[in-house]
Amino acid sequence: MACRWIGQDLVNSIIFEKMPDTMERLNRSLMACQDKFEAAKLQKKLSGLHELESCVDQSTQDNIKMLPHVAGKLNASFSSVIREKSHLIF
């Protein structure tokens, strides 16, 4: 819907502007899981793999919960641009 009003290039630009923060947050949380796994291996914990799986699952669930917030930010950006463009048209 937004593409028709503001153009696909602008929509892509807004998405690529907002998504790096989301991806960085996910990457950081997964790196923390990897660090915990490496520490468990050094301590020769047998539960290290299970802890890694649990950590990755929790990280994924936490990031999924953030998606409505990300969508809200994208919608706000699209709405702002649409308002600006509609003032130029009318």
PDB file of N, CA and C in Angstrom:
ATOM      1  N   MET A   1       0.828  -1.194   0.000  1.00  0.00           N
ATOM      2  CA  MET A   1       0.000   0.000   0.000  1.00  0.00           C
ATOM      3  C   MET A   1       0.865   1.248   0.000  1.00  0.00           C
ATOM      4  N   ALA A   2       1.845   1.293   0.896  1.00  0.00           N
ATOM      5  CA  ALA A   2       2.704   2.473   0.982  1.00  0.00           C
ATOM      6  C   ALA A   2       3.488   2.680  -0.302  1.00  0.00           C
ATOM      7  N   CYS A   3       3.840   1.588  -0.991  1.00  0.00           N
ATOM      8  CA  CYS A   3       4.624   1.697  -2.224  1.00  0.00           C
ATOM      9  C   CYS A   3       3.901   2.541  -3.265  1.00  0.00           C
ATOM     10  N   ARG A   4       2.580   2.403  -3.352  1.00  0.00           N
ATOM     11  CA  ARG A   4       1.836   3.170  -4.352  1.00  0.00           C
ATOM     12  C   ARG A   4       1.905   4.665  -4.084  1.00  0.00           C
ATOM     13  N   TRP A   5       1.891   5.031  -2.830  1.00  0.00           N
ATOM     14  CA  TRP A   5       1.870   6.443  -2.489  1.00  0.00           C
ATOM     15  C   TRP A   5       3.247   7.087  -2.508  1.00  0.00           C
ATOM     16  N   ILE A   6       4.239   6.378  -2.052  1.00  0.00           N
ATOM     17  CA  ILE A   6       5.543   7.034  -1.889  1.00  0.00           C
ATOM     18  C   ILE A   6       6.648   6.430  -2.741  1.00  0.00           C
ATOM     19  N   GLY A   7       6.381   5.380  -3.467  1.00  0.00           N
ATOM     20  CA  GLY A   7       7.369   4.797  -4.360  1.00  0.00           C
ATOM     21  C   GLY A   7       8.182   3.703  -3.698  1.00  0.00           C
ATOM     22  N   GLN A   8       8.474   2.685  -4.476  1.00  0.00           N
ATOM     23  CA  GLN A   8       9.177   1.525  -3.949  1.00  0.00           C
ATOM     24  C   GLN A   8      10.583   1.869  -3.482  1.00  0.00           C
ATOM     25  N   ASP A   9      11.279   2.750  -4.199  1.00  0.00           N
ATOM     26  CA  ASP A   9      12.644   3.099  -3.794  1.00  0.00           C
ATOM     27  C   ASP A   9      12.660   3.755  -2.419  1.00  0.00           C
ATOM     28  N   LEU A  10      11.701   4.637  -2.170  1.00  0.00           N
ATOM     29  CA  LEU A  10      11.640   5.296  -0.869  1.00  0.00           C
ATOM     30  C   LEU A  10      11.258   4.304   0.227  1.00  0.00           C
ATOM     31  N   VAL A  11      10.347   3.399  -0.073  1.00  0.00           N
ATOM     32  CA  VAL A  11       9.968   2.361   0.894  1.00  0.00           C
ATOM     33  C   VAL A  11      11.187   1.510   1.237  1.00  0.00           C
ATOM     34  N   ASN A  12      11.915   1.070   0.219  1.00  0.00           N
ATOM     35  CA  ASN A  12      13.130   0.280   0.458  1.00  0.00           C
ATOM     36  C   ASN A  12      14.137   1.058   1.287  1.00  0.00           C
ATOM     37  N   SER A  13      14.282   2.327   1.000  1.00  0.00           N
ATOM     38  CA  SER A  13      15.218   3.173   1.744  1.00  0.00           C
ATOM     39  C   SER A  13      14.844   3.234   3.224  1.00  0.00           C
ATOM     40  N   ILE A  14      13.570   3.422   3.508  1.00  0.00           N
ATOM     41  CA  ILE A  14      13.111   3.487   4.898  1.00  0.00           C
ATOM     42  C   ILE A  14      13.352   2.150   5.597  1.00  0.00           C
ATOM     43  N   ILE A  15      13.034   1.060   4.923  1.00  0.00           N
ATOM     44  CA  ILE A  15      13.229  -0.265   5.529  1.00  0.00           C
ATOM     45  C   ILE A  15      14.701  -0.507   5.813  1.00  0.00           C
ATOM     46  N   PHE A  16      15.565  -0.222   4.839  1.00  0.00           N
ATOM     47  CA  PHE A  16      16.993  -0.471   5.037  1.00  0.00           C
ATOM     48  C   PHE A  16      17.607   0.483   6.055  1.00  0.00           C
ATOM     49  N   GLU A  17      16.951   1.603   6.296  1.00  0.00           N
ATOM     50  CA  GLU A  17      17.412   2.532   7.337  1.00  0.00           C
ATOM     51  C   GLU A  17      17.072   1.995   8.724  1.00  0.00           C
ATOM     52  N   LYS A  18      15.912   1.380   8.869  1.00  0.00           N
ATOM     53  CA  LYS A  18      15.441   0.919  10.179  1.00  0.00           C
ATOM     54  C   LYS A  18      15.918  -0.485  10.548  1.00  0.00           C
ATOM     55  N   MET A  19      16.130  -1.345   9.572  1.00  0.00           N
ATOM     56  CA  MET A  19      16.418  -2.750   9.854  1.00  0.00           C
ATOM     57  C   MET A  19      17.799  -3.028  10.451  1.00  0.00           C
ATOM     58  N   PRO A  20      18.832  -2.257  10.140  1.00  0.00           N
ATOM     59  CA  PRO A  20      20.138  -2.590  10.730  1.00  0.00           C
ATOM     60  C   PRO A  20      20.125  -2.637  12.257  1.00  0.00           C
ATOM     61  N   ASP A  21      19.388  -1.747  12.900  1.00  0.00           N
ATOM     62  CA  ASP A  21      19.313  -1.769  14.364  1.00  0.00           C
ATOM     63  C   ASP A  21      18.700  -3.080  14.855  1.00  0.00           C
ATOM     64  N   THR A  22      17.649  -3.510  14.181  1.00  0.00           N
ATOM     65  CA  THR A  22      16.982  -4.752  14.557  1.00  0.00           C
ATOM     66  C   THR A  22      17.913  -5.945  14.357  1.00  0.00           C
ATOM     67  N   MET A  23      18.578  -5.979  13.227  1.00  0.00           N
ATOM     68  CA  MET A  23      19.500  -7.083  12.941  1.00  0.00           C
ATOM     69  C   MET A  23      20.693  -7.061  13.894  1.00  0.00           C
ATOM     70  N   GLU A  24      21.181  -5.874  14.218  1.00  0.00           N
ATOM     71  CA  GLU A  24      22.313  -5.760  15.145  1.00  0.00           C
ATOM     72  C   GLU A  24      21.931  -6.284  16.527  1.00  0.00           C
ATOM     73  N   ARG A  25      20.725  -5.960  16.982  1.00  0.00           N
ATOM     74  CA  ARG A  25      20.257  -6.440  18.283  1.00  0.00           C
ATOM     75  C   ARG A  25      20.193  -7.974  18.293  1.00  0.00           C
ATOM     76  N   LEU A  26      19.658  -8.553  17.220  1.00  0.00           N
ATOM     77  CA  LEU A  26      19.586 -10.011  17.116  1.00  0.00           C
ATOM     78  C   LEU A  26      20.992 -10.617  17.090  1.00  0.00           C
ATOM     79  N   ASN A  27      21.881 -10.035  16.306  1.00  0.00           N
ATOM     80  CA  ASN A  27      23.254 -10.552  16.231  1.00  0.00           C
ATOM     81  C   ASN A  27      23.957 -10.489  17.579  1.00  0.00           C
ATOM     82  N   ARG A  28      23.781  -9.376  18.305  1.00  0.00           N
ATOM     83  CA  ARG A  28      24.419  -9.250  19.624  1.00  0.00           C
ATOM     84  C   ARG A  28      23.904 -10.315  20.586  1.00  0.00           C
ATOM     85  N   SER A  29      22.605 -10.549  20.575  1.00  0.00           N
ATOM     86  CA  SER A  29      22.057 -11.538  21.506  1.00  0.00           C
ATOM     87  C   SER A  29      22.527 -12.949  21.143  1.00  0.00           C
ATOM     88  N   LEU A  30      22.640 -13.241  19.858  1.00  0.00           N
ATOM     89  CA  LEU A  30      23.134 -14.559  19.456  1.00  0.00           C
ATOM     90  C   LEU A  30      24.623 -14.708  19.752  1.00  0.00           C
ATOM     91  N   MET A  31      25.376 -13.620  19.638  1.00  0.00           N
ATOM     92  CA  MET A  31      26.799 -13.662  19.995  1.00  0.00           C
ATOM     93  C   MET A  31      26.955 -13.931  21.491  1.00  0.00           C
ATOM     94  N   ALA A  32      26.066 -13.354  22.300  1.00  0.00           N
ATOM     95  CA  ALA A  32      26.108 -13.611  23.743  1.00  0.00           C
ATOM     96  C   ALA A  32      25.856 -15.095  24.013  1.00  0.00           C
ATOM     97  N   CYS A  33      24.940 -15.696  23.259  1.00  0.00           N
ATOM     98  CA  CYS A  33      24.692 -17.139  23.402  1.00  0.00           C
ATOM     99  C   CYS A  33      25.942 -17.929  23.032  1.00  0.00           C
ATOM    100  N   GLN A  34      26.587 -17.530  21.956  1.00  0.00           N
ATOM    101  CA  GLN A  34      27.806 -18.214  21.527  1.00  0.00           C
ATOM    102  C   GLN A  34      28.891 -18.088  22.594  1.00  0.00           C
ATOM    103  N   ASP A  35      29.013 -16.900  23.193  1.00  0.00           N
ATOM    104  CA  ASP A  35      30.004 -16.696  24.257  1.00  0.00           C
ATOM    105  C   ASP A  35      29.726 -17.610  25.450  1.00  0.00           C
ATOM    106  N   LYS A  36      28.442 -17.734  25.817  1.00  0.00           N
ATOM    107  CA  LYS A  36      28.078 -18.623  26.925  1.00  0.00           C
ATOM    108  C   LYS A  36      28.430 -20.070  26.594  1.00  0.00           C
ATOM    109  N   PHE A  37      28.202 -20.461  25.345  1.00  0.00           N
ATOM    110  CA  PHE A  37      28.514 -21.820  24.915  1.00  0.00           C
ATOM    111  C   PHE A  37      30.020 -22.070  24.986  1.00  0.00           C
ATOM    112  N   GLU A  38      30.805 -21.111  24.513  1.00  0.00           N
ATOM    113  CA  GLU A  38      32.266 -21.254  24.556  1.00  0.00           C
ATOM    114  C   GLU A  38      32.759 -21.349  25.999  1.00  0.00           C
ATOM    115  N   ALA A  39      32.167 -20.548  26.883  1.00  0.00           N
ATOM    116  CA  ALA A  39      32.547 -20.603  28.298  1.00  0.00           C
ATOM    117  C   ALA A  39      32.196 -21.967  28.895  1.00  0.00           C
ATOM    118  N   ALA A  40      31.042 -22.498  28.522  1.00  0.00           N
ATOM    119  CA  ALA A  40      30.633 -23.817  29.021  1.00  0.00           C
ATOM    120  C   ALA A  40      31.589 -24.901  28.516  1.00  0.00           C
ATOM    121  N   LYS A  41      32.043 -24.768  27.270  1.00  0.00           N
ATOM    122  CA  LYS A  41      33.002 -25.747  26.734  1.00  0.00           C
ATOM    123  C   LYS A  41      34.314 -25.688  27.511  1.00  0.00           C
ATOM    124  N   LEU A  42      34.767 -24.475  27.829  1.00  0.00           N
ATOM    125  CA  LEU A  42      36.011 -24.332  28.589  1.00  0.00           C
ATOM    126  C   LEU A  42      35.884 -24.957  29.974  1.00  0.00           C
ATOM    127  N   GLN A  43      34.687 -24.853  30.543  1.00  0.00           N
ATOM    128  CA  GLN A  43      34.448 -25.429  31.868  1.00  0.00           C
ATOM    129  C   GLN A  43      34.076 -26.907  31.775  1.00  0.00           C
ATOM    130  N   LYS A  44      34.082 -27.413  30.546  1.00  0.00           N
ATOM    131  CA  LYS A  44      33.754 -28.822  30.283  1.00  0.00           C
ATOM    132  C   LYS A  44      32.373 -29.215  30.823  1.00  0.00           C
ATOM    133  N   LYS A  45      31.432 -28.269  30.694  1.00  0.00           N
ATOM    134  CA  LYS A  45      30.054 -28.558  31.092  1.00  0.00           C
ATOM    135  C   LYS A  45      29.396 -29.414  30.018  1.00  0.00           C
ATOM    136  N   LEU A  46      28.746 -30.450  30.436  1.00  0.00           N
ATOM    137  CA  LEU A  46      28.048 -31.320  29.494  1.00  0.00           C
ATOM    138  C   LEU A  46      26.753 -30.688  28.989  1.00  0.00           C
ATOM    139  N   SER A  47      26.242 -29.736  29.732  1.00  0.00           N
ATOM    140  CA  SER A  47      24.966 -29.114  29.369  1.00  0.00           C
ATOM    141  C   SER A  47      25.154 -27.925  28.426  1.00  0.00           C
ATOM    142  N   GLY A  48      26.371 -27.703  27.954  1.00  0.00           N
ATOM    143  CA  GLY A  48      26.660 -26.534  27.124  1.00  0.00           C
ATOM    144  C   GLY A  48      25.801 -26.429  25.883  1.00  0.00           C
ATOM    145  N   LEU A  49      25.627 -27.529  25.164  1.00  0.00           N
ATOM    146  CA  LEU A  49      24.831 -27.506  23.941  1.00  0.00           C
ATOM    147  C   LEU A  49      23.365 -27.222  24.252  1.00  0.00           C
ATOM    148  N   HIS A  50      22.861 -27.837  25.311  1.00  0.00           N
ATOM    149  CA  HIS A  50      21.472 -27.580  25.713  1.00  0.00           C
ATOM    150  C   HIS A  50      21.300 -26.106  26.101  1.00  0.00           C
ATOM    151  N   GLU A  51      22.263 -25.559  26.831  1.00  0.00           N
ATOM    152  CA  GLU A  51      22.201 -24.146  27.222  1.00  0.00           C
ATOM    153  C   GLU A  51      22.250 -23.241  25.994  1.00  0.00           C
ATOM    154  N   LEU A  52      23.067 -23.607  25.000  1.00  0.00           N
ATOM    155  CA  LEU A  52      23.133 -22.826  23.762  1.00  0.00           C
ATOM    156  C   LEU A  52      21.782 -22.833  23.061  1.00  0.00           C
ATOM    157  N   GLU A  53      21.192 -24.003  22.924  1.00  0.00           N
ATOM    158  CA  GLU A  53      19.883 -24.103  22.274  1.00  0.00           C
ATOM    159  C   GLU A  53      18.837 -23.293  23.020  1.00  0.00           C
ATOM    160  N   SER A  54      18.861 -23.372  24.327  1.00  0.00           N
ATOM    161  CA  SER A  54      17.911 -22.624  25.147  1.00  0.00           C
ATOM    162  C   SER A  54      18.121 -21.117  24.989  1.00  0.00           C
ATOM    163  N   CYS A  55      19.372 -20.703  24.992  1.00  0.00           N
ATOM    164  CA  CYS A  55      19.699 -19.283  24.848  1.00  0.00           C
ATOM    165  C   CYS A  55      19.263 -18.754  23.478  1.00  0.00           C
ATOM    166  N   VAL A  56      19.552 -19.519  22.427  1.00  0.00           N
ATOM    167  CA  VAL A  56      19.168 -19.107  21.073  1.00  0.00           C
ATOM    168  C   VAL A  56      17.649 -19.030  20.959  1.00  0.00           C
ATOM    169  N   ASP A  57      16.952 -19.998  21.535  1.00  0.00           N
ATOM    170  CA  ASP A  57      15.496 -19.980  21.508  1.00  0.00           C
ATOM    171  C   ASP A  57      14.956 -18.745  22.223  1.00  0.00           C
ATOM    172  N   GLN A  58      15.501 -18.453  23.405  1.00  0.00           N
ATOM    173  CA  GLN A  58      15.045 -17.285  24.164  1.00  0.00           C
ATOM    174  C   GLN A  58      15.348 -15.993  23.411  1.00  0.00           C
ATOM    175  N   SER A  59      16.522 -15.917  22.827  1.00  0.00           N
ATOM    176  CA  SER A  59      16.909 -14.743  22.047  1.00  0.00           C
ATOM    177  C   SER A  59      15.956 -14.532  20.872  1.00  0.00           C
ATOM    178  N   THR A  60      15.639 -15.621  20.198  1.00  0.00           N
ATOM    179  CA  THR A  60      14.718 -15.548  19.061  1.00  0.00           C
ATOM    180  C   THR A  60      13.343 -15.082  19.517  1.00  0.00           C
ATOM    181  N   GLN A  61      12.840 -15.652  20.602  1.00  0.00           N
ATOM    182  CA  GLN A  61      11.525 -15.258  21.119  1.00  0.00           C
ATOM    183  C   GLN A  61      11.506 -13.788  21.534  1.00  0.00           C
ATOM    184  N   ASP A  62      12.580 -13.337  22.188  1.00  0.00           N
ATOM    185  CA  ASP A  62      12.662 -11.932  22.598  1.00  0.00           C
ATOM    186  C   ASP A  62      12.635 -11.008  21.389  1.00  0.00           C
ATOM    187  N   ASN A  63      13.344 -11.384  20.341  1.00  0.00           N
ATOM    188  CA  ASN A  63      13.382 -10.547  19.141  1.00  0.00           C
ATOM    189  C   ASN A  63      12.066 -10.588  18.380  1.00  0.00           C
ATOM    190  N   ILE A  64      11.376 -11.715  18.410  1.00  0.00           N
ATOM    191  CA  ILE A  64      10.051 -11.786  17.793  1.00  0.00           C
ATOM    192  C   ILE A  64       9.094 -10.833  18.509  1.00  0.00           C
ATOM    193  N   LYS A  65       9.212 -10.748  19.831  1.00  0.00           N
ATOM    194  CA  LYS A  65       8.358  -9.836  20.599  1.00  0.00           C
ATOM    195  C   LYS A  65       8.607  -8.377  20.225  1.00  0.00           C
ATOM    196  N   MET A  66       9.791  -8.074  19.705  1.00  0.00           N
ATOM    197  CA  MET A  66      10.122  -6.701  19.312  1.00  0.00           C
ATOM    198  C   MET A  66       9.553  -6.325  17.941  1.00  0.00           C
ATOM    199  N   LEU A  67       9.133  -7.307  17.152  1.00  0.00           N
ATOM    200  CA  LEU A  67       8.670  -7.027  15.794  1.00  0.00           C
ATOM    201  C   LEU A  67       7.502  -6.039  15.727  1.00  0.00           C
ATOM    202  N   PRO A  68       6.506  -6.115  16.613  1.00  0.00           N
ATOM    203  CA  PRO A  68       5.448  -5.100  16.547  1.00  0.00           C
ATOM    204  C   PRO A  68       5.994  -3.679  16.746  1.00  0.00           C
ATOM    205  N   HIS A  69       6.984  -3.530  17.602  1.00  0.00           N
ATOM    206  CA  HIS A  69       7.605  -2.222  17.810  1.00  0.00           C
ATOM    207  C   HIS A  69       8.313  -1.760  16.532  1.00  0.00           C
ATOM    208  N   VAL A  70       9.030  -2.665  15.898  1.00  0.00           N
ATOM    209  CA  VAL A  70       9.721  -2.343  14.642  1.00  0.00           C
ATOM    210  C   VAL A  70       8.696  -1.971  13.571  1.00  0.00           C
ATOM    211  N   ALA A  71       7.618  -2.744  13.483  1.00  0.00           N
ATOM    212  CA  ALA A  71       6.563  -2.449  12.511  1.00  0.00           C
ATOM    213  C   ALA A  71       5.941  -1.083  12.787  1.00  0.00           C
ATOM    214  N   GLY A  72       5.766  -0.752  14.052  1.00  0.00           N
ATOM    215  CA  GLY A  72       5.232   0.559  14.411  1.00  0.00           C
ATOM    216  C   GLY A  72       6.145   1.689  13.963  1.00  0.00           C
ATOM    217  N   LYS A  73       7.452   1.498  14.127  1.00  0.00           N
ATOM    218  CA  LYS A  73       8.405   2.513  13.673  1.00  0.00           C
ATOM    219  C   LYS A  73       8.362   2.668  12.152  1.00  0.00           C
ATOM    220  N   LEU A  74       8.257   1.543  11.450  1.00  0.00           N
ATOM    221  CA  LEU A  74       8.164   1.607   9.991  1.00  0.00           C
ATOM    222  C   LEU A  74       6.877   2.305   9.564  1.00  0.00           C
ATOM    223  N   ASN A  75       5.762   1.951  10.195  1.00  0.00           N
ATOM    224  CA  ASN A  75       4.487   2.596   9.869  1.00  0.00           C
ATOM    225  C   ASN A  75       4.540   4.092  10.120  1.00  0.00           C
ATOM    226  N   ALA A  76       5.166   4.493  11.223  1.00  0.00           N
ATOM    227  CA  ALA A  76       5.285   5.920  11.521  1.00  0.00           C
ATOM    228  C   ALA A  76       6.108   6.622  10.446  1.00  0.00           C
ATOM    229  N   SER A  77       7.177   5.986  10.015  1.00  0.00           N
ATOM    230  CA  SER A  77       8.007   6.573   8.958  1.00  0.00           C
ATOM    231  C   SER A  77       7.226   6.685   7.657  1.00  0.00           C
ATOM    232  N   PHE A  78       6.515   5.618   7.293  1.00  0.00           N
ATOM    233  CA  PHE A  78       5.724   5.653   6.062  1.00  0.00           C
ATOM    234  C   PHE A  78       4.640   6.725   6.147  1.00  0.00           C
ATOM    235  N   SER A  79       3.954   6.794   7.287  1.00  0.00           N
ATOM    236  CA  SER A  79       2.883   7.777   7.459  1.00  0.00           C
ATOM    237  C   SER A  79       3.413   9.193   7.342  1.00  0.00           C
ATOM    238  N   SER A  80       4.568   9.428   7.928  1.00  0.00           N
ATOM    239  CA  SER A  80       5.175  10.753   7.867  1.00  0.00           C
ATOM    240  C   SER A  80       5.484  11.148   6.425  1.00  0.00           C
ATOM    241  N   VAL A  81       6.055  10.230   5.679  1.00  0.00           N
ATOM    242  CA  VAL A  81       6.393  10.517   4.281  1.00  0.00           C
ATOM    243  C   VAL A  81       5.129  10.702   3.456  1.00  0.00           C
ATOM    244  N   ILE A  82       4.115   9.885   3.705  1.00  0.00           N
ATOM    245  CA  ILE A  82       2.853  10.014   2.968  1.00  0.00           C
ATOM    246  C   ILE A  82       2.215  11.368   3.252  1.00  0.00           C
ATOM    247  N   ARG A  83       2.237  11.798   4.527  1.00  0.00           N
ATOM    248  CA  ARG A  83       1.686  13.118   4.864  1.00  0.00           C
ATOM    249  C   ARG A  83       2.439  14.220   4.130  1.00  0.00           C
ATOM    250  N   GLU A  84       3.761  14.131   4.126  1.00  0.00           N
ATOM    251  CA  GLU A  84       4.568  15.140   3.431  1.00  0.00           C
ATOM    252  C   GLU A  84       4.242  15.164   1.946  1.00  0.00           C
ATOM    253  N   LYS A  85       4.152  13.995   1.329  1.00  0.00           N
ATOM    254  CA  LYS A  85       3.869  13.923  -0.109  1.00  0.00           C
ATOM    255  C   LYS A  85       2.448  14.386  -0.414  1.00  0.00           C
ATOM    256  N   SER A  86       1.489  14.089   0.458  1.00  0.00           N
ATOM    257  CA  SER A  86       0.108  14.494   0.182  1.00  0.00           C
ATOM    258  C   SER A  86      -0.032  16.008   0.236  1.00  0.00           C
ATOM    259  N   HIS A  87       0.768  16.674   1.064  1.00  0.00           N
ATOM    260  CA  HIS A  87       0.742  18.140   1.099  1.00  0.00           C
ATOM    261  C   HIS A  87       1.290  18.712  -0.197  1.00  0.00           C
ATOM    262  N   LEU A  88       2.225  18.037  -0.804  1.00  0.00           N
ATOM    263  CA  LEU A  88       2.793  18.502  -2.067  1.00  0.00           C
ATOM    264  C   LEU A  88       1.818  18.309  -3.222  1.00  0.00           C
ATOM    265  N   ILE A  89       0.994  17.256  -3.141  1.00  0.00           N
ATOM    266  CA  ILE A  89       0.056  16.952  -4.226  1.00  0.00           C
ATOM    267  C   ILE A  89      -1.153  17.876  -4.172  1.00  0.00           C
ATOM    268  N   PHE A  90      -1.663  18.101  -2.969  1.00  0.00           N
ATOM    269  CA  PHE A  90      -2.887  18.892  -2.827  1.00  0.00           C
ATOM    270  C   PHE A  90      -2.497  20.250  -2.444  1.00  0.00           C
TER     271      PHE A  90
END
